[in-house]
Amino acid sequence: MDVNQMLQQTGAVEALSRELGVDASTAQAGAAALLPSILSGFQNPVAASAAPAASQAPSALGGLGGLLGTIGGLGGGALLDNVTSSQSTEVNKGNEILGQLFGSKDGSRAVAASAAAQSGVEPSLLKKMLPVLAMVAAGYVMKQASQGGGGLGGALGSVLGGQASGAGSSASSQNTQGGGSADILGDLIGAAGKFLGR
């Protein structure tokens, strides 16, 4: 399974299309370009170590434990449901996640600029997609972890790892190299499972 199949399976493309008033192919292209950087950001969150929940997280998870604590406080798996429901998405929750992933609006802008170069989608539209996709990724990881899922993570993580390293974008390449794992999504689901099992 690749990132495009995961987006279709979760209904994220339809939700982005509806939320932002764009066609499905634009939503798909933007999401596919942004998701590898978002998942890499989960693996090495910039600001998660400053989160209050970090002190409660298992030390083996480091900054990711603080991020997972924040995600849990924002709704966990229900973040995905919020995006895919017919109600307006609570993008403030996605912005809170992005703040921990990339540290600042400048970090998010850099990710959007890199994704624009890769996808051809306008950076201003990609910036609007970022918080929604952060919620999709966070909700998906937490749902899979709570269900003990991981098989999907291996296949999808390999594809994402290949896209991030092959994209040539400095943000994606730096994040992927820092993690050292091609199976980003599988690693995240496993770490979230450990976090939830604490």
N, C-alpha and C. Protein backbone atom coordinates (compact mmCIF):
# COMPACT_ATOMS: atom_id res chain seq x y z
N MET A 1 0.85 -1.18 0.00
CA MET A 1 0.00 0.00 0.00
C MET A 1 0.89 1.24 0.00
N ASP A 2 0.52 2.23 -0.82
CA ASP A 2 1.29 3.46 -0.85
C ASP A 2 0.51 4.61 -0.20
N VAL A 3 1.15 5.78 -0.13
CA VAL A 3 0.56 6.92 0.57
C VAL A 3 -0.77 7.32 -0.08
N ASN A 4 -0.86 7.22 -1.40
CA ASN A 4 -2.11 7.58 -2.07
C ASN A 4 -3.24 6.65 -1.68
N GLN A 5 -2.96 5.37 -1.55
CA GLN A 5 -3.99 4.42 -1.12
C GLN A 5 -4.42 4.71 0.32
N MET A 6 -3.47 5.05 1.19
CA MET A 6 -3.81 5.37 2.57
C MET A 6 -4.71 6.60 2.63
N LEU A 7 -4.39 7.60 1.82
CA LEU A 7 -5.21 8.81 1.80
C LEU A 7 -6.63 8.49 1.33
N GLN A 8 -6.75 7.65 0.32
CA GLN A 8 -8.07 7.26 -0.17
C GLN A 8 -8.81 6.44 0.89
N GLN A 9 -8.11 5.50 1.51
CA GLN A 9 -8.72 4.62 2.50
C GLN A 9 -9.29 5.40 3.69
N THR A 10 -8.59 6.45 4.11
CA THR A 10 -9.04 7.22 5.28
C THR A 10 -10.09 8.27 4.91
N GLY A 11 -10.26 8.54 3.63
CA GLY A 11 -11.18 9.59 3.21
C GLY A 11 -10.58 10.98 3.31
N ALA A 12 -9.27 11.06 3.51
CA ALA A 12 -8.61 12.35 3.70
C ALA A 12 -8.66 13.22 2.45
N VAL A 13 -8.55 12.61 1.28
CA VAL A 13 -8.57 13.40 0.04
C VAL A 13 -9.93 14.07 -0.13
N GLU A 14 -10.99 13.31 0.08
CA GLU A 14 -12.33 13.88 -0.03
C GLU A 14 -12.53 14.98 1.00
N ALA A 15 -12.04 14.76 2.22
CA ALA A 15 -12.18 15.77 3.28
C ALA A 15 -11.43 17.05 2.93
N LEU A 16 -10.20 16.91 2.43
CA LEU A 16 -9.42 18.09 2.02
C LEU A 16 -10.12 18.83 0.90
N SER A 17 -10.61 18.08 -0.07
CA SER A 17 -11.31 18.66 -1.21
C SER A 17 -12.52 19.47 -0.74
N ARG A 18 -13.30 18.89 0.14
CA ARG A 18 -14.50 19.56 0.67
C ARG A 18 -14.13 20.76 1.54
N GLU A 19 -13.19 20.57 2.44
CA GLU A 19 -12.80 21.61 3.39
C GLU A 19 -12.21 22.84 2.69
N LEU A 20 -11.39 22.61 1.66
CA LEU A 20 -10.67 23.70 1.02
C LEU A 20 -11.27 24.14 -0.32
N GLY A 21 -12.31 23.43 -0.76
CA GLY A 21 -12.96 23.80 -2.01
C GLY A 21 -12.09 23.60 -3.24
N VAL A 22 -11.31 22.51 -3.24
CA VAL A 22 -10.45 22.20 -4.38
C VAL A 22 -10.86 20.85 -4.97
N ASP A 23 -10.40 20.59 -6.20
CA ASP A 23 -10.72 19.30 -6.80
C ASP A 23 -9.88 18.19 -6.15
N ALA A 24 -10.34 16.97 -6.31
CA ALA A 24 -9.71 15.82 -5.66
C ALA A 24 -8.27 15.62 -6.11
N SER A 25 -7.96 15.87 -7.38
CA SER A 25 -6.59 15.65 -7.85
C SER A 25 -5.62 16.65 -7.22
N THR A 26 -6.05 17.88 -7.00
CA THR A 26 -5.21 18.88 -6.33
C THR A 26 -5.00 18.48 -4.87
N ALA A 27 -6.07 18.05 -4.22
CA ALA A 27 -5.96 17.60 -2.82
C ALA A 27 -5.03 16.40 -2.72
N GLN A 28 -5.14 15.47 -3.65
CA GLN A 28 -4.29 14.27 -3.66
C GLN A 28 -2.82 14.64 -3.85
N ALA A 29 -2.54 15.50 -4.84
CA ALA A 29 -1.16 15.90 -5.12
C ALA A 29 -0.54 16.62 -3.92
N GLY A 30 -1.28 17.53 -3.33
CA GLY A 30 -0.77 18.27 -2.18
C GLY A 30 -0.53 17.37 -0.98
N ALA A 31 -1.48 16.49 -0.71
CA ALA A 31 -1.36 15.58 0.43
C ALA A 31 -0.18 14.63 0.24
N ALA A 32 -0.03 14.10 -0.96
CA ALA A 32 1.07 13.17 -1.21
C ALA A 32 2.43 13.85 -1.08
N ALA A 33 2.49 15.14 -1.40
CA ALA A 33 3.75 15.88 -1.28
C ALA A 33 4.04 16.29 0.16
N LEU A 34 3.00 16.55 0.96
CA LEU A 34 3.19 17.02 2.33
C LEU A 34 3.37 15.90 3.35
N LEU A 35 2.70 14.79 3.14
CA LEU A 35 2.65 13.74 4.16
C LEU A 35 4.03 13.19 4.56
N PRO A 36 4.96 12.95 3.64
CA PRO A 36 6.27 12.45 4.08
C PRO A 36 6.98 13.40 5.06
N SER A 37 6.89 14.71 4.82
CA SER A 37 7.52 15.66 5.74
C SER A 37 6.81 15.69 7.09
N ILE A 38 5.49 15.58 7.06
CA ILE A 38 4.73 15.55 8.31
C ILE A 38 5.13 14.32 9.14
N LEU A 39 5.18 13.16 8.51
CA LEU A 39 5.53 11.94 9.23
C LEU A 39 6.98 11.98 9.72
N SER A 40 7.88 12.56 8.92
CA SER A 40 9.26 12.72 9.37
C SER A 40 9.32 13.65 10.57
N GLY A 41 8.48 14.68 10.55
CA GLY A 41 8.41 15.60 11.69
C GLY A 41 7.92 14.90 12.96
N PHE A 42 7.03 13.94 12.79
CA PHE A 42 6.58 13.17 13.95
C PHE A 42 7.75 12.41 14.56
N GLN A 43 8.61 11.89 13.72
CA GLN A 43 9.73 11.09 14.21
C GLN A 43 10.73 11.94 14.98
N ASN A 44 10.90 13.19 14.57
CA ASN A 44 11.85 14.10 15.23
C ASN A 44 11.18 15.45 15.50
N PRO A 45 10.21 15.48 16.42
CA PRO A 45 9.50 16.74 16.66
C PRO A 45 10.42 17.80 17.24
N VAL A 46 10.31 19.00 16.69
CA VAL A 46 11.18 20.11 17.11
C VAL A 46 10.86 20.58 18.51
N ALA A 47 9.56 20.77 18.81
CA ALA A 47 9.17 21.41 20.06
C ALA A 47 8.55 20.46 21.08
N ALA A 48 8.45 19.18 20.77
CA ALA A 48 7.74 18.26 21.67
C ALA A 48 8.42 18.11 23.02
N SER A 49 9.72 18.30 23.07
CA SER A 49 10.41 18.14 24.35
C SER A 49 9.99 19.18 25.37
N ALA A 50 9.40 20.29 24.90
CA ALA A 50 8.95 21.33 25.82
C ALA A 50 7.52 21.11 26.29
N ALA A 51 6.84 20.09 25.74
CA ALA A 51 5.45 19.85 26.09
C ALA A 51 5.34 19.31 27.51
N PRO A 52 4.30 19.71 28.25
CA PRO A 52 4.12 19.26 29.62
C PRO A 52 4.02 17.74 29.73
N ALA A 53 3.41 17.08 28.73
CA ALA A 53 3.22 15.64 28.80
C ALA A 53 4.52 14.88 28.64
N ALA A 54 5.59 15.53 28.22
CA ALA A 54 6.86 14.83 27.98
C ALA A 54 7.38 14.18 29.25
N SER A 55 7.15 14.80 30.40
CA SER A 55 7.65 14.24 31.64
C SER A 55 6.91 12.96 32.02
N GLN A 56 5.71 12.76 31.47
CA GLN A 56 4.95 11.56 31.78
C GLN A 56 5.23 10.44 30.78
N ALA A 57 5.89 10.76 29.69
CA ALA A 57 6.11 9.79 28.62
C ALA A 57 7.28 8.87 28.98
N PRO A 58 7.24 7.65 28.50
CA PRO A 58 8.38 6.78 28.70
C PRO A 58 9.63 7.42 28.11
N SER A 59 10.75 7.35 28.83
CA SER A 59 11.95 8.04 28.40
C SER A 59 12.47 7.52 27.08
N ALA A 60 12.19 6.29 26.72
CA ALA A 60 12.66 5.73 25.45
C ALA A 60 12.04 6.45 24.26
N LEU A 61 10.90 7.11 24.45
CA LEU A 61 10.24 7.80 23.35
C LEU A 61 10.73 9.23 23.18
N GLY A 62 11.43 9.77 24.15
CA GLY A 62 11.97 11.13 24.04
C GLY A 62 10.91 12.15 23.70
N GLY A 63 11.24 13.06 22.76
CA GLY A 63 10.32 14.12 22.35
C GLY A 63 9.06 13.58 21.71
N LEU A 64 9.15 12.41 21.09
CA LEU A 64 7.95 11.81 20.49
C LEU A 64 6.91 11.51 21.57
N GLY A 65 7.35 11.13 22.77
CA GLY A 65 6.41 10.87 23.86
C GLY A 65 5.61 12.11 24.22
N GLY A 66 6.27 13.28 24.23
CA GLY A 66 5.57 14.53 24.50
C GLY A 66 4.57 14.85 23.40
N LEU A 67 4.97 14.60 22.17
CA LEU A 67 4.07 14.83 21.04
C LEU A 67 2.87 13.90 21.11
N LEU A 68 3.11 12.62 21.40
CA LEU A 68 2.01 11.67 21.52
C LEU A 68 1.07 12.04 22.67
N GLY A 69 1.64 12.57 23.75
CA GLY A 69 0.81 13.05 24.86
C GLY A 69 -0.09 14.19 24.43
N THR A 70 0.47 15.12 23.66
CA THR A 70 -0.31 16.23 23.13
C THR A 70 -1.41 15.73 22.21
N ILE A 71 -1.05 14.81 21.31
CA ILE A 71 -2.02 14.26 20.37
C ILE A 71 -3.15 13.57 21.13
N GLY A 72 -2.80 12.81 22.15
CA GLY A 72 -3.82 12.17 22.98
C GLY A 72 -4.74 13.19 23.62
N GLY A 73 -4.16 14.28 24.12
CA GLY A 73 -4.96 15.34 24.74
C GLY A 73 -5.86 16.06 23.75
N LEU A 74 -5.46 16.07 22.49
CA LEU A 74 -6.27 16.72 21.45
C LEU A 74 -7.36 15.81 20.89
N GLY A 75 -7.33 14.54 21.28
CA GLY A 75 -8.37 13.62 20.82
C GLY A 75 -7.87 12.30 20.29
N GLY A 76 -6.56 12.15 20.08
CA GLY A 76 -6.02 10.89 19.59
C GLY A 76 -6.61 10.51 18.24
N GLY A 77 -7.13 9.29 18.15
CA GLY A 77 -7.71 8.79 16.91
C GLY A 77 -8.90 9.60 16.43
N ALA A 78 -9.56 10.31 17.34
CA ALA A 78 -10.71 11.14 16.96
C ALA A 78 -10.31 12.32 16.08
N LEU A 79 -9.00 12.64 16.03
CA LEU A 79 -8.55 13.71 15.13
C LEU A 79 -8.85 13.35 13.68
N LEU A 80 -8.64 12.09 13.31
CA LEU A 80 -8.96 11.64 11.95
C LEU A 80 -10.46 11.75 11.71
N ASP A 81 -11.25 11.34 12.69
CA ASP A 81 -12.71 11.43 12.57
C ASP A 81 -13.16 12.88 12.39
N ASN A 82 -12.51 13.81 13.10
CA ASN A 82 -12.87 15.22 12.99
C ASN A 82 -12.66 15.72 11.57
N VAL A 83 -11.58 15.28 10.93
CA VAL A 83 -11.28 15.70 9.55
C VAL A 83 -12.29 15.12 8.57
N THR A 84 -12.63 13.85 8.75
CA THR A 84 -13.46 13.16 7.76
C THR A 84 -14.96 13.31 8.00
N SER A 85 -15.35 13.92 9.12
CA SER A 85 -16.78 14.12 9.38
C SER A 85 -17.31 15.25 8.50
N SER A 86 -18.61 15.40 8.47
CA SER A 86 -19.22 16.46 7.66
C SER A 86 -19.13 17.83 8.35
N GLN A 87 -18.71 17.85 9.60
CA GLN A 87 -18.55 19.11 10.34
C GLN A 87 -17.25 19.79 9.94
N SER A 88 -17.13 21.09 10.21
CA SER A 88 -15.88 21.81 9.94
C SER A 88 -14.76 21.23 10.78
N THR A 89 -13.59 21.14 10.18
CA THR A 89 -12.41 20.60 10.87
C THR A 89 -11.88 21.63 11.86
N GLU A 90 -11.54 21.18 13.04
CA GLU A 90 -10.97 22.06 14.08
C GLU A 90 -9.48 22.22 13.80
N VAL A 91 -9.14 23.07 12.82
CA VAL A 91 -7.76 23.20 12.37
C VAL A 91 -6.81 23.72 13.45
N ASN A 92 -7.34 24.35 14.49
CA ASN A 92 -6.48 24.79 15.58
C ASN A 92 -5.75 23.61 16.21
N LYS A 93 -6.37 22.44 16.23
CA LYS A 93 -5.71 21.24 16.76
C LYS A 93 -4.56 20.82 15.86
N GLY A 94 -4.77 20.91 14.55
CA GLY A 94 -3.71 20.61 13.60
C GLY A 94 -2.56 21.60 13.71
N ASN A 95 -2.90 22.87 13.92
CA ASN A 95 -1.85 23.89 14.09
C ASN A 95 -1.03 23.65 15.35
N GLU A 96 -1.67 23.15 16.39
CA GLU A 96 -0.94 22.83 17.62
C GLU A 96 0.05 21.69 17.37
N ILE A 97 -0.37 20.70 16.62
CA ILE A 97 0.52 19.58 16.26
C ILE A 97 1.67 20.10 15.41
N LEU A 98 1.37 20.93 14.41
CA LEU A 98 2.42 21.48 13.54
C LEU A 98 3.44 22.29 14.33
N GLY A 99 2.99 23.03 15.34
CA GLY A 99 3.91 23.80 16.17
C GLY A 99 4.93 22.90 16.84
N GLN A 100 4.51 21.71 17.23
CA GLN A 100 5.45 20.78 17.85
C GLN A 100 6.32 20.08 16.80
N LEU A 101 5.76 19.83 15.63
CA LEU A 101 6.53 19.15 14.59
C LEU A 101 7.63 20.03 14.02
N PHE A 102 7.28 21.26 13.67
CA PHE A 102 8.21 22.12 12.93
C PHE A 102 8.69 23.33 13.72
N GLY A 103 8.14 23.55 14.90
CA GLY A 103 8.63 24.59 15.80
C GLY A 103 8.12 25.99 15.56
N SER A 104 7.81 26.34 14.32
CA SER A 104 7.37 27.71 14.04
C SER A 104 6.62 27.73 12.71
N LYS A 105 6.00 28.87 12.44
CA LYS A 105 5.33 29.04 11.15
C LYS A 105 6.35 29.01 10.02
N ASP A 106 7.57 29.47 10.30
CA ASP A 106 8.61 29.42 9.27
C ASP A 106 8.92 27.98 8.87
N GLY A 107 8.94 27.08 9.84
CA GLY A 107 9.16 25.67 9.55
C GLY A 107 8.05 25.11 8.67
N SER A 108 6.81 25.45 8.98
CA SER A 108 5.68 25.01 8.17
C SER A 108 5.73 25.60 6.77
N ARG A 109 6.14 26.87 6.68
CA ARG A 109 6.25 27.52 5.36
C ARG A 109 7.30 26.83 4.50
N ALA A 110 8.41 26.43 5.12
CA ALA A 110 9.47 25.75 4.38
C ALA A 110 8.98 24.40 3.85
N VAL A 111 8.21 23.68 4.66
CA VAL A 111 7.65 22.40 4.23
C VAL A 111 6.69 22.63 3.07
N ALA A 112 5.85 23.65 3.16
CA ALA A 112 4.89 23.95 2.09
C ALA A 112 5.62 24.36 0.81
N ALA A 113 6.67 25.14 0.92
CA ALA A 113 7.43 25.56 -0.26
C ALA A 113 8.08 24.37 -0.95
N SER A 114 8.65 23.47 -0.16
CA SER A 114 9.26 22.28 -0.72
C SER A 114 8.22 21.40 -1.41
N ALA A 115 7.06 21.22 -0.77
CA ALA A 115 5.99 20.42 -1.36
C ALA A 115 5.43 21.07 -2.62
N ALA A 116 5.42 22.41 -2.67
CA ALA A 116 4.95 23.11 -3.86
C ALA A 116 5.87 22.83 -5.04
N ALA A 117 7.17 22.84 -4.79
CA ALA A 117 8.13 22.55 -5.85
C ALA A 117 7.96 21.13 -6.36
N GLN A 118 7.63 20.21 -5.48
CA GLN A 118 7.47 18.80 -5.85
C GLN A 118 6.15 18.55 -6.55
N SER A 119 5.07 19.21 -6.11
CA SER A 119 3.73 18.87 -6.58
C SER A 119 3.13 19.83 -7.59
N GLY A 120 3.62 21.07 -7.61
CA GLY A 120 3.02 22.08 -8.48
C GLY A 120 1.79 22.74 -7.87
N VAL A 121 1.43 22.38 -6.64
CA VAL A 121 0.29 22.98 -5.95
C VAL A 121 0.77 24.27 -5.28
N GLU A 122 -0.07 25.29 -5.31
CA GLU A 122 0.27 26.60 -4.74
C GLU A 122 0.66 26.49 -3.26
N PRO A 123 1.75 27.16 -2.84
CA PRO A 123 2.16 27.11 -1.43
C PRO A 123 1.07 27.59 -0.47
N SER A 124 0.27 28.59 -0.86
CA SER A 124 -0.78 29.09 0.03
C SER A 124 -1.83 28.01 0.30
N LEU A 125 -2.13 27.21 -0.69
CA LEU A 125 -3.07 26.11 -0.52
C LEU A 125 -2.45 24.99 0.33
N LEU A 126 -1.18 24.71 0.09
CA LEU A 126 -0.49 23.68 0.88
C LEU A 126 -0.43 24.07 2.36
N LYS A 127 -0.25 25.37 2.65
CA LYS A 127 -0.24 25.82 4.04
C LYS A 127 -1.58 25.56 4.72
N LYS A 128 -2.67 25.66 3.96
CA LYS A 128 -3.99 25.34 4.51
C LYS A 128 -4.17 23.84 4.70
N MET A 129 -3.52 23.05 3.86
CA MET A 129 -3.62 21.59 3.97
C MET A 129 -2.83 21.05 5.16
N LEU A 130 -1.74 21.72 5.52
CA LEU A 130 -0.85 21.20 6.55
C LEU A 130 -1.54 20.83 7.87
N PRO A 131 -2.32 21.74 8.49
CA PRO A 131 -2.92 21.35 9.78
C PRO A 131 -3.92 20.21 9.64
N VAL A 132 -4.64 20.16 8.53
CA VAL A 132 -5.61 19.10 8.32
C VAL A 132 -4.89 17.77 8.17
N LEU A 133 -3.81 17.76 7.39
CA LEU A 133 -3.04 16.52 7.20
C LEU A 133 -2.31 16.10 8.48
N ALA A 134 -1.88 17.07 9.29
CA ALA A 134 -1.27 16.72 10.58
C ALA A 134 -2.28 15.97 11.44
N MET A 135 -3.54 16.41 11.39
CA MET A 135 -4.60 15.72 12.14
C MET A 135 -4.87 14.33 11.57
N VAL A 136 -4.86 14.22 10.24
CA VAL A 136 -5.07 12.92 9.60
C VAL A 136 -3.97 11.96 10.04
N ALA A 137 -2.71 12.39 9.92
CA ALA A 137 -1.59 11.52 10.28
C ALA A 137 -1.63 11.15 11.76
N ALA A 138 -1.86 12.13 12.62
CA ALA A 138 -1.90 11.87 14.06
C ALA A 138 -3.04 10.92 14.41
N GLY A 139 -4.22 11.19 13.88
CA GLY A 139 -5.37 10.34 14.16
C GLY A 139 -5.18 8.94 13.63
N TYR A 140 -4.60 8.81 12.44
CA TYR A 140 -4.36 7.50 11.84
C TYR A 140 -3.37 6.70 12.68
N VAL A 141 -2.26 7.32 13.05
CA VAL A 141 -1.25 6.63 13.87
C VAL A 141 -1.86 6.17 15.19
N MET A 142 -2.62 7.04 15.86
CA MET A 142 -3.20 6.67 17.15
C MET A 142 -4.25 5.57 17.01
N LYS A 143 -5.07 5.63 15.94
CA LYS A 143 -6.07 4.58 15.72
C LYS A 143 -5.38 3.24 15.46
N GLN A 144 -4.37 3.24 14.61
CA GLN A 144 -3.65 1.99 14.31
C GLN A 144 -2.99 1.44 15.55
N ALA A 145 -2.39 2.31 16.35
CA ALA A 145 -1.71 1.88 17.57
C ALA A 145 -2.70 1.30 18.57
N SER A 146 -3.86 1.91 18.71
CA SER A 146 -4.84 1.43 19.69
C SER A 146 -5.45 0.10 19.24
N GLN A 147 -5.42 -0.16 17.93
CA GLN A 147 -5.94 -1.43 17.41
C GLN A 147 -4.83 -2.47 17.26
N GLY A 148 -3.61 -2.10 17.63
CA GLY A 148 -2.49 -3.02 17.50
C GLY A 148 -2.04 -3.19 16.07
N GLY A 149 -2.40 -2.23 15.19
CA GLY A 149 -2.04 -2.33 13.77
C GLY A 149 -0.59 -2.01 13.55
N GLY A 150 0.00 -2.64 12.58
CA GLY A 150 1.39 -2.37 12.25
C GLY A 150 1.74 -2.91 10.88
N GLY A 151 0.98 -3.89 10.41
CA GLY A 151 1.28 -4.49 9.11
C GLY A 151 1.21 -3.47 8.01
N LEU A 152 0.20 -2.62 8.03
CA LEU A 152 0.05 -1.57 7.03
C LEU A 152 1.21 -0.59 7.15
N GLY A 153 1.64 -0.33 8.38
CA GLY A 153 2.71 0.63 8.59
C GLY A 153 4.00 0.24 7.90
N GLY A 154 4.32 -1.04 7.88
CA GLY A 154 5.55 -1.49 7.24
C GLY A 154 5.56 -1.17 5.76
N ALA A 155 4.50 -1.52 5.08
CA ALA A 155 4.43 -1.28 3.63
C ALA A 155 4.37 0.21 3.33
N LEU A 156 3.51 0.94 4.03
CA LEU A 156 3.36 2.36 3.77
C LEU A 156 4.62 3.12 4.18
N GLY A 157 5.20 2.75 5.29
CA GLY A 157 6.42 3.42 5.75
C GLY A 157 7.56 3.26 4.76
N SER A 158 7.67 2.10 4.13
CA SER A 158 8.72 1.90 3.14
C SER A 158 8.51 2.83 1.95
N VAL A 159 7.28 2.97 1.52
CA VAL A 159 6.98 3.86 0.40
C VAL A 159 7.28 5.29 0.79
N LEU A 160 6.84 5.71 1.98
CA LEU A 160 7.08 7.08 2.42
C LEU A 160 8.56 7.36 2.57
N GLY A 161 9.28 6.40 3.11
CA GLY A 161 10.72 6.57 3.26
C GLY A 161 11.38 6.77 1.91
N GLY A 162 10.96 6.02 0.91
CA GLY A 162 11.51 6.15 -0.43
C GLY A 162 11.15 7.47 -1.05
N GLN A 163 9.92 7.93 -0.85
CA GLN A 163 9.51 9.22 -1.42
C GLN A 163 10.29 10.36 -0.78
N ALA A 164 10.43 10.30 0.55
CA ALA A 164 11.10 11.40 1.23
C ALA A 164 12.55 11.49 0.81
N SER A 165 13.26 10.36 0.71
CA SER A 165 14.66 10.42 0.36
C SER A 165 14.86 10.69 -1.12
N GLY A 166 13.90 10.29 -1.96
CA GLY A 166 14.03 10.49 -3.38
C GLY A 166 13.54 11.84 -3.85
N ALA A 167 12.85 12.57 -3.01
CA ALA A 167 12.24 13.83 -3.42
C ALA A 167 13.27 14.93 -3.64
N GLY A 168 14.40 14.84 -2.95
CA GLY A 168 15.42 15.86 -3.12
C GLY A 168 15.16 17.11 -2.31
N SER A 169 14.07 17.14 -1.56
CA SER A 169 13.79 18.34 -0.76
C SER A 169 14.65 18.31 0.49
N SER A 170 15.19 19.45 0.85
CA SER A 170 16.10 19.49 1.98
C SER A 170 15.38 19.16 3.28
N ALA A 171 14.15 19.62 3.46
CA ALA A 171 13.44 19.34 4.71
C ALA A 171 13.16 17.85 4.84
N SER A 172 12.66 17.22 3.79
CA SER A 172 12.36 15.79 3.85
C SER A 172 13.63 14.99 4.02
N SER A 173 14.68 15.34 3.29
CA SER A 173 15.92 14.58 3.34
C SER A 173 16.54 14.68 4.73
N GLN A 174 16.54 15.86 5.31
CA GLN A 174 17.12 16.02 6.63
C GLN A 174 16.36 15.20 7.66
N ASN A 175 15.03 15.26 7.62
CA ASN A 175 14.24 14.52 8.58
C ASN A 175 14.41 13.03 8.40
N THR A 176 14.45 12.54 7.16
CA THR A 176 14.59 11.11 6.93
C THR A 176 15.96 10.63 7.38
N GLN A 177 17.00 11.39 7.06
CA GLN A 177 18.34 10.99 7.46
C GLN A 177 18.48 10.97 8.97
N GLY A 178 17.85 11.92 9.65
CA GLY A 178 17.95 11.99 11.10
C GLY A 178 17.32 10.80 11.77
N GLY A 179 16.25 10.25 11.18
CA GLY A 179 15.57 9.11 11.79
C GLY A 179 16.26 7.81 11.51
N GLY A 180 16.89 7.68 10.35
CA GLY A 180 17.61 6.47 10.03
C GLY A 180 16.72 5.28 9.72
N SER A 181 15.43 5.48 9.58
CA SER A 181 14.52 4.38 9.32
C SER A 181 13.66 4.66 8.11
N ALA A 182 13.58 3.67 7.22
CA ALA A 182 12.72 3.84 6.04
C ALA A 182 11.26 3.59 6.40
N ASP A 183 11.01 2.98 7.55
CA ASP A 183 9.65 2.62 7.94
C ASP A 183 9.11 3.62 8.96
N ILE A 184 8.98 4.87 8.54
CA ILE A 184 8.57 5.94 9.45
C ILE A 184 7.19 5.67 10.06
N LEU A 185 6.22 5.37 9.24
CA LEU A 185 4.86 5.17 9.75
C LEU A 185 4.79 3.97 10.67
N GLY A 186 5.42 2.87 10.29
CA GLY A 186 5.44 1.69 11.16
C GLY A 186 6.10 1.98 12.49
N ASP A 187 7.20 2.74 12.46
CA ASP A 187 7.88 3.12 13.70
C ASP A 187 6.97 3.97 14.58
N LEU A 188 6.26 4.91 13.95
CA LEU A 188 5.36 5.78 14.71
C LEU A 188 4.23 5.01 15.35
N ILE A 189 3.65 4.08 14.59
CA ILE A 189 2.56 3.26 15.14
C ILE A 189 3.08 2.43 16.30
N GLY A 190 4.27 1.86 16.15
CA GLY A 190 4.86 1.07 17.23
C GLY A 190 5.12 1.91 18.48
N ALA A 191 5.68 3.12 18.27
CA ALA A 191 5.95 4.00 19.41
C ALA A 191 4.66 4.44 20.07
N ALA A 192 3.64 4.73 19.27
CA ALA A 192 2.36 5.13 19.85
C ALA A 192 1.75 3.96 20.62
N GLY A 193 1.91 2.74 20.12
CA GLY A 193 1.42 1.56 20.84
C GLY A 193 2.12 1.43 22.20
N LYS A 194 3.43 1.67 22.24
CA LYS A 194 4.15 1.65 23.52
C LYS A 194 3.64 2.75 24.44
N PHE A 195 3.42 3.93 23.87
CA PHE A 195 2.93 5.06 24.65
C PHE A 195 1.57 4.74 25.25
N LEU A 196 0.66 4.20 24.43
CA LEU A 196 -0.68 3.88 24.91
C LEU A 196 -0.67 2.75 25.92
N GLY A 197 0.32 1.85 25.83
CA GLY A 197 0.41 0.71 26.73
C GLY A 197 1.12 0.99 28.03
N ARG A 198 1.59 2.24 28.20
CA ARG A 198 2.36 2.56 29.41
C ARG A 198 1.52 2.37 30.57
